Structures are given as structure tokens and as C-alpha cells.
Amino acid sequence: MGCEILILRTGDPPRRVRERCGSYDQAIITALGSKVTCVVVDARTESLPEPVYPGILITGSAASVYDTDRWIRHSEEFLRRAADRGSAIYGICFGHQLLAQAFGGRVERCPRGWELGTAAVSLTDAALSDPLCAGLPQEFLAQQSHGDVVVELPSGAVRLASNAHWPIQAFRLGEKIWGTQFHPEFTVAMMEGLVDVLTATLPATLFPTLAGVPSIRDQICAGLRETPEARQCLRNFLQFLLTEHASQHTRPR
């Protein structure tokens, strides 16, 4: 098999956001560029393939990984098998949480409320030599949209990033498994749509740091920025795959 990436679609944006900006997997494909072939499988409704792909990406979702849906458990089993076969795996937001839970970590509702908008993220010292974080500044902006968090990492996992809202913003497990709580694929346009929908449907009590502001929506939208440094994580994951693929095909047989 060539250097193909399997994208596990685990959720969809709200309809209005999808009509304007496309799906989560489309956003990932756009951010990756044209150097790789992507195969999209909906983990909720489709049979999962054999885990033979060199790389696997997991999208965000409105679901919670501690929900009892069978597709979540099946996805965890699939990811463990993929890891055993040597796939490189990168989970985003829900995907980050799914990986943590699948390998023995713990995910809960965030006690600090919902994190929504563009937020500063800081790298740990361990991230300075990590392939996913190559070329990133010590602090950078990233798009956030989540109410759940990883409260306990899997045994042996290394924390790569944190921020003021929650200390586990990224991690690596072993040499080829990564998760980021933030969304490297999101643009300001997609964030604007999500902010519109979420601030209209979620109770204001889920945004305790914004208590008392005239408009939670306007406050969050005023701080939205494009996040090219966070986007670099996806390009770094692709570069890791391409480098590994090339090395496997140049080794003496």
C-alpha cells in the first residue's frame, strides 16, 4: 500500500456550518494538501476496514467518548489493533480523547466549562524534540471547541502542550500516536459558525470565564484569529508519514 491516510469520521459540524465550510474530514484534507491520498470512513455508520493504513486521523465529534454507543467501543478496538500493526495515529479533539481512553486514560466533562474560540497553547519541554511539534513556537494560537477533557493520560504517555483552560492539550504515546485537544484544521470561518451555533444552544453557565459579558458570542468572535502554527501539526504528521514511508522503501531487502 502507498502512503495513504485513513480518516475516521466520528462527527459532523452543525448543518449550517457544514453547508458553508464543509465537513470535519474535508477541513483536514484541505489542511494536509495534495501530497497524500485520504480514505474517509464514517466510524458511526460504516464497517471499519482492516487497520493496514500507514496513517490514521480521527476527527472531532459532538459525542463524548464515555457515551455507551457501540461504535465508540469498536473504534477503540480498531485503534488498538492499528497501533499493534504500526500505524501512525493522530486524534483531534474527540479523537484525542478517544485515543487517551482506548489506551487506558480517562476522559470527563471539563470542570472549568466549555473552551470555545482561539486560545493560546504552550508547548512542554518534551515537545521541543517531538515530530508533531516541529517548527512550532513555544506558545501559539489554536482553535478550541470542547466540553470534555482528558483528565488522566495513558500509562507512558508524554504531555506535549497545555494552556490556561486545561493542562492536557496534546500528548504522545509511544513513538507514533498523538492527540491534540485543539483543532489544527479549523479556520476562522468554521469557528465563527460553531460559535454562532454553540453560544445559541449551550447554557451561559458553561462559559464561567465570560460571566457578565453583554454577549458571549460577540466576545468569543472578537478574539478569533487564524492559527497557522497549530495547522503545522497536520503538516508535520504528514511529513512524518512520508519520511517513514520513504525509509521503508529504501531499506536493503
Foldseek 3Di string as FASTA:
>chain_A
DAQEEEEAEAAFDPPVLCVVPNGQVVLLDVLQDDPHHYHYDHLQPDDDDQLPHQEYEYGDHPDALPDPRPSLVVVLVRVVNNVVVNHFYEYEQNGLVSPQVSQPFDKDFQPLFWDFAKFKKAFDPVQPPALLQPPFDRIFIFGATDGMDTPTGHPQKAATMQHPRGGRQKIDHDRRYIYGNTDLSDALSSSLVNLVVCQVPPDPVRNVVCPPDPGPSVVRNVRHDGTNSSSSSSNSSVVVSVVVSVVVVPDDD
